[in-house]
Amino acid sequence: MNYDEILAQLRSQLGDSKEENSKMLKEAADKFAKEGNAVGIEAVSVLLIENMPDSQREELKRLTYIDDTRLDIYHNKIVKLINESKYTEAKPMAEKLYKKIRMEYGEGEKAKFVSLRNPFEDNLCQALFKSDKILTRAPFDFAEFITTYGFLLVETGSPLDAIPVLETAIEYNPVDCGPKFELAEVYKLLKNKKKIVDISRDTLRVASSPIAIARCYANIGYALTDYREYEDAAAFYTASVMFAPNPAIPNEMQHLADLKGSPITHPSREKTIEIMKKYDIELGPNQDVINVAAQLANHYIEKDDIPNAVNALKITYNLTLDERVKDLILRYDPKSPLYVPTPEGKPSAEDTRVNITRTDNPSPQE
């Protein structure tokens, strides 16, 4: 059903009791969230606001609107301007949104807002970033909104100003690779090798897909190339293609050879691991990320929540290539697309159902 049909159906189920209406709408919201039905969630949110007392509705509007536009829709307008390369028009809007978030959703003495987008991120954050403060779920993906502002600062010539902005984005979601990657791009512009290595190490701690891991290694390879550490750069580029194919890497390897003035050979796995340890970086995913995904999958299997179980199993499989996990995925979802890289980083001929197109966990936002 489309938005209007869902809205009409839900509206027809409303009665005279605001309490019963609220209960029904929240149950509908839970159902749509599990299905990843963004249109359904949108319809529910409209009716929930309509069902509120006037004073509560006005307060909610004050918190979640700018210029009579809901914050997520306002952000969409900014993204549209960016896609049209209208950076100077988008920047003041992004700054206004950033200031609104910081004013209304700043960190307090006892609580802080977080924009964790799904159960996996929720569990991973609690496992890796324990906090004494109460974590309150933000109404929108503030990490993404603020990262957009950071991007615009870079594109309009203010990379140094972008650093604290992107660090703020990370605070709202420390397990989202997006703002961390944007921060790495800033440090690449500034040619700050130490910071590139540091932020890449931090990103590897939370990376939940082969593409995210591969991008971290490639970023370090780029930094080492800039500092003429060609053999070390080759090791990180080699590690990168072990996890995800990237057509740019062969060109980067050739670039290394051109700069060095002699051929660059792909180091062995053992040599690659040895070089990476110089930078306090391990080859492969963080075991804590695997454990969280595996435990979450088991939890959902026990609760017979198959969609969420399959999502968690996919994260586990993509990071481990464990055939037992693959069998579980195909048992619960026989048509499920999988990502199966070979050790050389090329797609397997045995299974071409590639489904990783993002650097972060693709589960739908709650």
Protein backbone atom coordinates (compact mmCIF):
# COMPACT_ATOMS: atom_id res chain seq x y z
CA MET A 1 0.00 0.00 0.00
CA ASN A 2 1.10 3.56 -0.63
CA TYR A 3 1.23 6.33 1.99
CA ASP A 4 -2.33 7.59 1.44
CA GLU A 5 -3.79 4.07 1.62
CA ILE A 6 -1.92 3.25 4.84
CA LEU A 7 -2.94 6.59 6.36
CA ALA A 8 -6.60 6.02 5.45
CA GLN A 9 -6.57 2.49 6.84
CA LEU A 10 -5.01 3.55 10.13
CA ARG A 11 -7.32 6.54 10.45
CA SER A 12 -10.34 4.24 10.01
CA GLN A 13 -9.19 2.27 13.07
CA LEU A 14 -9.08 5.30 15.37
CA GLY A 15 -11.73 5.64 18.06
CA ASP A 16 -12.69 8.18 20.70
CA SER A 17 -10.07 7.11 23.28
CA LYS A 18 -6.72 8.84 22.83
CA GLU A 19 -5.12 6.18 25.02
CA GLU A 20 -6.42 3.31 22.87
CA ASN A 21 -5.53 5.19 19.70
CA SER A 22 -1.98 5.71 20.93
CA LYS A 23 -1.65 2.03 21.81
CA MET A 24 -2.90 0.94 18.38
CA LEU A 25 -0.60 3.36 16.56
CA LYS A 26 2.46 2.28 18.55
CA GLU A 27 1.71 -1.37 17.71
CA ALA A 28 1.42 -0.39 14.05
CA ALA A 29 4.73 1.48 14.30
CA ASP A 30 6.44 -1.61 15.75
CA LYS A 31 5.07 -3.70 12.89
CA PHE A 32 6.22 -1.26 10.22
CA ALA A 33 9.65 -0.94 11.87
CA LYS A 34 10.17 -4.70 11.75
CA GLU A 35 9.17 -4.69 8.08
CA GLY A 36 11.41 -1.72 7.33
CA ASN A 37 8.34 0.07 5.96
CA ALA A 38 9.34 3.75 6.03
CA VAL A 39 6.07 4.86 4.41
CA GLY A 40 4.06 3.10 7.11
CA ILE A 41 6.17 4.67 9.86
CA GLU A 42 5.63 8.09 8.29
CA ALA A 43 1.85 7.59 8.31
CA VAL A 44 1.90 6.45 11.94
CA SER A 45 3.98 9.45 13.02
CA VAL A 46 1.47 11.86 11.46
CA LEU A 47 -1.43 10.25 13.32
CA LEU A 48 0.48 10.05 16.60
CA ILE A 49 1.03 13.79 16.47
CA GLU A 50 -2.62 14.40 15.61
CA ASN A 51 -3.62 12.26 18.59
CA MET A 52 -1.60 14.31 21.08
CA PRO A 53 -2.97 17.03 23.38
CA ASP A 54 -2.42 20.52 21.94
CA SER A 55 0.29 21.49 24.43
CA GLN A 56 2.25 18.31 23.81
CA ARG A 57 1.87 18.68 20.05
CA GLU A 58 3.22 22.23 20.11
CA GLU A 59 6.21 21.22 22.22
CA LEU A 60 6.99 18.33 19.85
CA LYS A 61 6.78 20.68 16.90
CA ARG A 62 9.14 23.12 18.59
CA LEU A 63 11.68 20.35 19.10
CA THR A 64 11.43 18.65 15.72
CA TYR A 65 10.75 21.45 13.22
CA ILE A 66 12.70 24.28 11.59
CA ASP A 67 10.76 26.93 9.68
CA ASP A 68 7.61 24.76 9.78
CA THR A 69 9.57 21.88 8.25
CA ARG A 70 10.30 18.64 10.10
CA LEU A 71 14.03 18.14 10.68
CA ASP A 72 14.40 15.07 8.44
CA ILE A 73 12.55 16.77 5.58
CA TYR A 74 14.69 19.87 6.12
CA HIS A 75 17.80 17.67 5.84
CA ASN A 76 16.45 16.11 2.65
CA LYS A 77 16.26 19.61 1.16
CA ILE A 78 19.90 20.17 2.04
CA VAL A 79 20.88 16.88 0.40
CA LYS A 80 18.93 17.85 -2.72
CA LEU A 81 20.93 21.10 -2.96
CA ILE A 82 24.16 19.14 -2.51
CA ASN A 83 23.18 16.77 -5.31
CA GLU A 84 22.68 19.85 -7.48
CA SER A 85 26.15 21.13 -6.41
CA LYS A 86 24.56 24.16 -4.74
CA TYR A 87 26.91 24.08 -1.76
CA THR A 88 26.74 27.77 -0.89
CA GLU A 89 22.93 27.55 -0.64
CA ALA A 90 23.04 24.34 1.37
CA LYS A 91 25.68 25.43 3.89
CA PRO A 92 23.64 28.01 5.89
CA MET A 93 20.73 25.58 6.06
CA ALA A 94 23.03 22.82 7.33
CA GLU A 95 24.52 25.20 9.89
CA LYS A 96 21.04 26.14 11.11
CA LEU A 97 20.13 22.46 11.46
CA TYR A 98 23.39 21.76 13.31
CA LYS A 99 22.75 24.57 15.80
CA LYS A 100 19.16 23.40 16.33
CA ILE A 101 20.39 19.89 17.17
CA ARG A 102 23.06 21.15 19.54
CA MET A 103 20.62 23.48 21.30
CA GLU A 104 17.72 21.03 21.72
CA TYR A 105 19.57 17.71 21.90
CA GLY A 106 22.87 18.53 23.59
CA GLU A 107 24.48 16.31 26.18
CA GLY A 108 23.39 16.86 29.78
CA GLU A 109 24.89 15.93 33.14
CA LYS A 110 22.95 12.69 33.43
CA ALA A 111 21.77 11.88 29.91
CA LYS A 112 22.81 12.16 26.29
CA PHE A 113 21.05 11.67 22.97
CA VAL A 114 22.22 9.00 20.55
CA SER A 115 21.16 8.22 17.00
CA LEU A 116 21.57 4.44 16.97
CA ARG A 117 19.67 3.23 13.93
CA ASN A 118 18.91 -0.42 14.63
CA PRO A 119 19.29 -3.16 17.26
CA PHE A 120 22.77 -4.12 16.04
CA GLU A 121 24.12 -0.59 16.47
CA ASP A 122 22.37 -0.33 19.83
CA ASN A 123 24.03 -3.50 21.13
CA LEU A 124 27.43 -2.72 19.60
CA CYS A 125 27.45 0.75 21.13
CA GLN A 126 26.65 -0.59 24.57
CA ALA A 127 29.34 -3.25 24.21
CA LEU A 128 32.12 -0.93 23.04
CA PHE A 129 31.22 2.47 24.50
CA LYS A 130 29.88 2.00 27.99
CA SER A 131 28.48 5.19 29.49
CA ASP A 132 27.39 6.18 32.97
CA LYS A 133 24.80 8.48 31.41
CA ILE A 134 21.29 7.55 30.36
CA LEU A 135 21.22 7.08 26.58
CA THR A 136 18.13 8.67 25.04
CA ARG A 137 17.22 7.78 21.48
CA ALA A 138 17.17 10.86 19.25
CA PRO A 139 14.13 11.25 16.97
CA PHE A 140 16.27 11.40 13.80
CA ASP A 141 19.69 10.35 12.53
CA PHE A 142 21.59 13.33 13.90
CA ALA A 143 24.95 11.72 13.11
CA GLU A 144 24.03 11.81 9.42
CA PHE A 145 22.61 15.34 9.60
CA ILE A 146 25.75 16.71 11.25
CA THR A 147 28.04 14.79 8.91
CA THR A 148 26.31 16.55 6.04
CA TYR A 149 27.25 19.90 7.57
CA GLY A 150 30.84 18.71 8.02
CA PHE A 151 30.95 17.70 4.36
CA LEU A 152 29.72 21.15 3.31
CA LEU A 153 32.36 22.87 5.42
CA VAL A 154 35.03 20.87 3.61
CA GLU A 155 33.54 21.52 0.18
CA THR A 156 33.33 25.27 0.85
CA GLY A 157 36.95 25.53 1.94
CA SER A 158 36.83 25.15 5.75
CA PRO A 159 38.28 21.69 6.52
CA LEU A 160 39.62 22.74 9.93
CA ASP A 161 36.15 23.93 10.97
CA ALA A 162 34.76 20.58 9.88
CA ILE A 163 36.84 18.60 12.40
CA PRO A 164 34.90 19.49 15.62
CA VAL A 165 31.62 19.22 13.71
CA LEU A 166 32.42 15.68 12.56
CA GLU A 167 33.63 14.76 16.04
CA THR A 168 30.20 15.86 17.28
CA ALA A 169 28.53 13.64 14.67
CA ILE A 170 30.55 10.70 16.00
CA GLU A 171 29.35 11.43 19.53
CA TYR A 172 25.74 10.94 18.42
CA ASN A 173 26.57 7.56 16.89
CA PRO A 174 30.04 6.22 17.72
CA VAL A 175 29.42 2.99 15.78
CA ASP A 176 28.49 4.68 12.48
CA CYS A 177 31.42 4.57 10.06
CA GLY A 178 30.04 7.48 7.98
CA PRO A 179 31.26 10.48 10.02
CA LYS A 180 34.54 8.69 10.74
CA PHE A 181 35.18 8.24 7.02
CA GLU A 182 34.35 11.90 6.40
CA LEU A 183 36.82 12.87 9.12
CA ALA A 184 39.46 10.68 7.45
CA GLU A 185 38.86 12.62 4.23
CA VAL A 186 39.55 15.87 6.10
CA TYR A 187 42.83 14.53 7.44
CA LYS A 188 43.76 13.33 3.95
CA LEU A 189 43.27 16.89 2.69
CA LEU A 190 45.43 18.16 5.53
CA LYS A 191 48.02 15.41 4.86
CA ASN A 192 48.05 14.41 8.53
CA LYS A 193 49.24 10.80 8.50
CA LYS A 194 48.94 10.23 12.25
CA LYS A 195 45.33 11.40 12.34
CA ILE A 196 44.42 9.29 9.29
CA VAL A 197 45.87 6.19 10.95
CA ASP A 198 44.19 7.03 14.28
CA ILE A 199 40.70 7.60 12.84
CA SER A 200 41.05 4.52 10.62
CA ARG A 201 41.97 2.44 13.67
CA ASP A 202 38.90 3.80 15.48
CA THR A 203 36.73 3.00 12.46
CA LEU A 204 38.04 -0.57 12.24
CA ARG A 205 36.92 -1.06 15.82
CA VAL A 206 33.26 -0.65 14.75
CA ALA A 207 33.37 -1.66 11.06
CA SER A 208 30.65 -4.21 10.35
CA SER A 209 31.13 -4.91 6.65
CA PRO A 210 34.03 -5.99 4.40
CA ILE A 211 33.71 -2.77 2.40
CA ALA A 212 34.13 -0.63 5.52
CA ILE A 213 37.22 -2.61 6.53
CA ALA A 214 38.66 -2.37 3.02
CA ARG A 215 38.12 1.40 2.94
CA CYS A 216 39.99 1.84 6.23
CA TYR A 217 43.01 -0.04 4.90
CA ALA A 218 42.92 1.91 1.63
CA ASN A 219 42.83 5.22 3.53
CA ILE A 220 45.95 4.26 5.46
CA GLY A 221 47.61 3.16 2.22
CA TYR A 222 46.85 6.58 0.77
CA ALA A 223 48.43 8.34 3.78
CA LEU A 224 51.54 6.19 3.67
CA THR A 225 51.93 6.88 -0.04
CA ASP A 226 51.94 10.60 0.69
CA TYR A 227 54.77 10.03 3.17
CA ARG A 228 56.77 7.89 0.72
CA GLU A 229 56.42 4.72 2.79
CA TYR A 230 55.74 2.74 -0.35
CA GLU A 231 56.22 -0.84 0.88
CA ASP A 232 53.97 -0.22 3.88
CA ALA A 233 51.37 1.42 1.62
CA ALA A 234 51.43 -1.66 -0.62
CA ALA A 235 50.70 -3.86 2.39
CA PHE A 236 47.60 -1.86 3.30
CA TYR A 237 46.38 -1.76 -0.31
CA THR A 238 46.87 -5.54 -0.45
CA ALA A 239 44.90 -5.95 2.79
CA SER A 240 42.15 -3.76 1.34
CA VAL A 241 41.49 -6.01 -1.67
CA MET A 242 41.47 -9.06 0.57
CA PHE A 243 38.17 -7.77 1.94
CA ALA A 244 36.52 -6.05 -1.01
CA PRO A 245 37.43 -5.60 -4.68
CA ASN A 246 38.19 -2.04 -5.66
CA PRO A 247 39.15 -1.06 -9.21
CA ALA A 248 41.16 1.90 -7.88
CA ILE A 249 43.64 -0.26 -5.96
CA PRO A 250 45.58 -1.59 -8.99
CA ASN A 251 46.01 2.02 -10.12
CA GLU A 252 47.26 2.98 -6.66
CA MET A 253 49.74 0.09 -6.72
CA GLN A 254 51.01 1.25 -10.12
CA HIS A 255 51.25 4.77 -8.72
CA LEU A 256 53.46 3.40 -5.92
CA ALA A 257 55.75 1.77 -8.47
CA ASP A 258 55.96 4.99 -10.46
CA LEU A 259 56.85 7.00 -7.36
CA LYS A 260 59.40 4.44 -6.20
CA GLY A 261 60.92 4.04 -9.62
CA SER A 262 60.89 0.23 -9.41
CA PRO A 263 58.25 -2.53 -9.32
CA ILE A 264 56.07 -2.97 -6.22
CA THR A 265 55.28 -6.57 -5.33
CA HIS A 266 52.22 -7.67 -3.39
CA PRO A 267 53.47 -8.71 0.05
CA SER A 268 52.54 -12.11 1.44
CA ARG A 269 49.80 -12.39 4.03
CA GLU A 270 52.41 -12.88 6.74
CA LYS A 271 54.37 -9.81 5.63
CA THR A 272 51.17 -7.77 5.41
CA ILE A 273 50.25 -8.68 8.99
CA GLU A 274 53.77 -7.82 10.15
CA ILE A 275 53.65 -4.37 8.53
CA MET A 276 50.16 -3.62 9.84
CA LYS A 277 51.24 -4.36 13.40
CA LYS A 278 53.73 -1.50 13.15
CA TYR A 279 50.66 0.77 13.16
CA ASP A 280 48.84 -1.17 15.90
CA ILE A 281 46.33 -2.48 13.38
CA GLU A 282 45.19 -6.08 12.99
CA LEU A 283 44.20 -7.77 9.78
CA GLY A 284 40.49 -8.53 9.83
CA PRO A 285 37.34 -7.48 11.67
CA ASN A 286 37.10 -6.68 15.35
CA GLN A 287 36.07 -9.86 17.17
CA ASP A 288 33.76 -7.81 19.39
CA VAL A 289 31.71 -6.80 16.33
CA ILE A 290 31.41 -10.44 15.28
CA ASN A 291 30.39 -11.47 18.79
CA VAL A 292 27.67 -8.83 19.03
CA ALA A 293 26.23 -9.80 15.63
CA ALA A 294 26.32 -13.53 16.44
CA GLN A 295 24.72 -13.07 19.87
CA LEU A 296 22.04 -10.83 18.40
CA ALA A 297 21.29 -13.41 15.70
CA ASN A 298 20.90 -16.11 18.35
CA HIS A 299 18.62 -13.85 20.40
CA TYR A 300 16.30 -13.23 17.45
CA ILE A 301 16.27 -16.88 16.41
CA GLU A 302 15.12 -17.80 19.93
CA LYS A 303 12.38 -15.15 19.68
CA ASP A 304 11.43 -16.41 16.19
CA ASP A 305 12.08 -12.94 14.76
CA ILE A 306 13.43 -14.17 11.45
CA PRO A 307 13.95 -10.84 9.58
CA ASN A 308 16.13 -9.40 12.35
CA ALA A 309 17.86 -12.75 12.83
CA VAL A 310 18.79 -12.88 9.14
CA ASN A 311 20.12 -9.30 9.25
CA ALA A 312 22.40 -10.18 12.17
CA LEU A 313 23.45 -13.45 10.54
CA LYS A 314 24.43 -11.59 7.37
CA ILE A 315 26.70 -9.28 9.34
CA THR A 316 28.26 -12.31 11.02
CA TYR A 317 28.74 -14.18 7.75
CA ASN A 318 30.14 -11.23 5.80
CA LEU A 319 32.81 -10.77 8.49
CA THR A 320 33.66 -14.45 8.97
CA LEU A 321 32.65 -16.36 5.79
CA ASP A 322 31.63 -19.16 8.15
CA GLU A 323 29.81 -21.75 6.04
CA ARG A 324 27.66 -22.77 9.02
CA VAL A 325 26.34 -19.23 9.26
CA LYS A 326 25.73 -19.18 5.51
CA ASP A 327 23.68 -22.38 5.82
CA LEU A 328 21.58 -20.77 8.55
CA ILE A 329 20.91 -17.71 6.40
CA LEU A 330 19.82 -19.82 3.45
CA ARG A 331 17.66 -21.99 5.70
CA TYR A 332 15.71 -18.97 6.95
CA ASP A 333 15.85 -16.97 3.72
CA PRO A 334 16.67 -19.21 0.71
CA LYS A 335 16.74 -16.27 -1.72
CA SER A 336 18.96 -14.14 0.48
CA PRO A 337 21.78 -12.32 -1.34
CA LEU A 338 25.22 -12.89 0.15
CA TYR A 339 28.62 -11.31 -0.17
CA VAL A 340 31.33 -13.90 -0.77
CA PRO A 341 34.80 -12.45 -1.50
CA THR A 342 37.68 -14.75 -2.33
CA PRO A 343 40.97 -14.30 -0.42
CA GLU A 344 42.22 -12.25 -3.35
CA GLY A 345 39.26 -9.91 -3.01
CA LYS A 346 37.51 -10.98 -6.22
CA PRO A 347 33.83 -12.01 -6.30
CA SER A 348 33.41 -15.76 -6.05
CA ALA A 349 32.25 -17.46 -9.22
CA GLU A 350 30.27 -19.88 -7.07
CA ASP A 351 28.04 -17.19 -5.58
CA THR A 352 27.58 -13.89 -7.39
CA ARG A 353 24.70 -12.64 -5.23
CA VAL A 354 26.56 -9.57 -4.04
CA ASN A 355 24.54 -7.35 -1.69
CA ILE A 356 26.99 -5.05 0.06
CA THR A 357 26.76 -1.56 -1.34
CA ARG A 358 27.22 0.51 1.82
CA THR A 359 29.98 0.86 4.35
CA ASP A 360 27.68 0.62 7.32
CA ASN A 361 25.17 -1.88 8.60
CA PRO A 362 22.19 -1.78 6.16
CA SER A 363 19.45 -2.76 8.61
CA PRO A 364 16.47 -0.35 8.45
CA GLN A 365 16.23 2.47 10.93
CA GLU A 366 13.86 1.80 13.83
